[in-house]
C-alpha atoms as a PDB file:
ATOM      1  CA  MET A   1       3.484  10.465  22.424  1.00  0.00           C
ATOM      2  CA  THR A   2       0.301  10.394  24.453  1.00  0.00           C
ATOM      3  CA  GLN A   3      -2.710   8.212  23.825  1.00  0.00           C
ATOM      4  CA  ASN A   4      -4.738  11.227  22.663  1.00  0.00           C
ATOM      5  CA  GLU A   5      -2.098  12.152  20.095  1.00  0.00           C
ATOM      6  CA  MET A   6      -2.141   8.604  18.765  1.00  0.00           C
ATOM      7  CA  TRP A   7      -5.914   8.693  18.337  1.00  0.00           C
ATOM      8  CA  VAL A   8      -5.645  11.992  16.459  1.00  0.00           C
ATOM      9  CA  ILE A   9      -3.074  10.506  14.066  1.00  0.00           C
ATOM     10  CA  ASP A  10      -5.134   7.346  13.542  1.00  0.00           C
ATOM     11  CA  THR A  11      -8.325   9.332  12.965  1.00  0.00           C
ATOM     12  CA  PHE A  12      -6.557  11.561  10.449  1.00  0.00           C
ATOM     13  CA  LEU A  13      -5.193   8.554   8.552  1.00  0.00           C
ATOM     14  CA  PHE A  14      -8.595   6.884   8.505  1.00  0.00           C
ATOM     15  CA  LEU A  15     -10.414  10.012   7.291  1.00  0.00           C
ATOM     16  CA  TYR A  16      -7.759  10.672   4.658  1.00  0.00           C
ATOM     17  CA  VAL A  17      -8.135   7.200   3.190  1.00  0.00           C
ATOM     18  CA  VAL A  18     -11.936   7.347   3.274  1.00  0.00           C
ATOM     19  CA  LEU A  19     -11.994  10.696   1.504  1.00  0.00           C
ATOM     20  CA  ILE A  20      -9.468   9.577  -1.120  1.00  0.00           C
ATOM     21  CA  ALA A  21     -11.428   6.394  -1.779  1.00  0.00           C
ATOM     22  CA  ARG A  22     -14.713   8.289  -2.044  1.00  0.00           C
ATOM     23  CA  SER A  23     -13.249  10.754  -4.527  1.00  0.00           C
ATOM     24  CA  ARG A  24     -12.588   7.846  -6.922  1.00  0.00           C
ATOM     25  CA  GLU A  25      -9.044   9.115  -7.459  1.00  0.00           C
ATOM     26  CA  ILE A  26      -7.712   5.684  -6.547  1.00  0.00           C
ATOM     27  CA  LYS A  27      -9.226   2.217  -6.365  1.00  0.00           C
ATOM     28  CA  TRP A  28     -10.396   0.619  -3.099  1.00  0.00           C
ATOM     29  CA  TYR A  29      -7.486  -1.815  -2.890  1.00  0.00           C
ATOM     30  CA  GLN A  30      -4.995   1.021  -3.312  1.00  0.00           C
ATOM     31  CA  ALA A  31      -6.724   2.927  -0.492  1.00  0.00           C
ATOM     32  CA  THR A  32      -6.521  -0.189   1.679  1.00  0.00           C
ATOM     33  CA  LEU A  33      -2.790  -0.561   1.054  1.00  0.00           C
ATOM     34  CA  ILE A  34      -2.213   3.127   1.740  1.00  0.00           C
ATOM     35  CA  SER A  35      -4.063   2.870   5.038  1.00  0.00           C
ATOM     36  CA  LEU A  36      -2.216  -0.286   6.128  1.00  0.00           C
ATOM     37  CA  PHE A  37       1.214   1.155   5.431  1.00  0.00           C
ATOM     38  CA  GLY A  38       0.173   4.520   6.869  1.00  0.00           C
ATOM     39  CA  PHE A  39      -0.718   2.882  10.169  1.00  0.00           C
ATOM     40  CA  LEU A  40       2.587   0.993  10.090  1.00  0.00           C
ATOM     41  CA  LEU A  41       4.564   4.181   9.516  1.00  0.00           C
ATOM     42  CA  ALA A  42       2.667   6.096  12.190  1.00  0.00           C
ATOM     43  CA  GLY A  43       3.717   3.530  14.792  1.00  0.00           C
ATOM     44  CA  THR A  44       0.480   3.783  16.729  1.00  0.00           C
ATOM     45  CA  PRO A  45      -1.248   0.857  18.464  1.00  0.00           C
ATOM     46  CA  PHE A  46      -3.152   0.164  15.237  1.00  0.00           C
ATOM     47  CA  SER A  47       0.150  -0.721  13.604  1.00  0.00           C
ATOM     48  CA  TYR A  48       0.141  -4.146  15.302  1.00  0.00           C
ATOM     49  CA  PRO A  49      -3.037  -5.435  13.623  1.00  0.00           C
ATOM     50  CA  ALA A  50      -1.969  -3.734  10.391  1.00  0.00           C
ATOM     51  CA  TRP A  51       1.368  -5.607  10.516  1.00  0.00           C
ATOM     52  CA  GLU A  52      -0.446  -8.918  11.041  1.00  0.00           C
ATOM     53  CA  ILE A  53      -2.672  -8.222   8.022  1.00  0.00           C
ATOM     54  CA  VAL A  54       0.368  -7.358   5.895  1.00  0.00           C
ATOM     55  CA  LYS A  55       2.105 -10.590   6.964  1.00  0.00           C
ATOM     56  CA  ILE A  56      -0.995 -12.670   6.135  1.00  0.00           C
ATOM     57  CA  LEU A  57      -1.385 -11.022   2.720  1.00  0.00           C
ATOM     58  CA  GLY A  58       2.324 -11.443   2.027  1.00  0.00           C
ATOM     59  CA  SER A  59       2.217 -15.133   2.862  1.00  0.00           C
ATOM     60  CA  LEU A  60      -0.749 -15.609   0.513  1.00  0.00           C
ATOM     61  CA  PHE A  61       1.028 -13.998  -2.433  1.00  0.00           C
ATOM     62  CA  PHE A  62       4.658 -14.857  -1.776  1.00  0.00           C
ATOM     63  CA  GLY A  63       4.345 -18.233  -0.101  1.00  0.00           C
END
């Protein structure tokens, strides 16, 4: 996968979450979780900071 393809995937995920959140179909925290796990599943370079955020949030809630 090239760098350009990764940016296209990341941009799509970001726009999808923004549009879903703006439509008020889901709450903001649900949109945030969807975006974090979407970046993790996509496996792009943004998955590394997303994984760190998930680990921090998990340690806050699950000790």
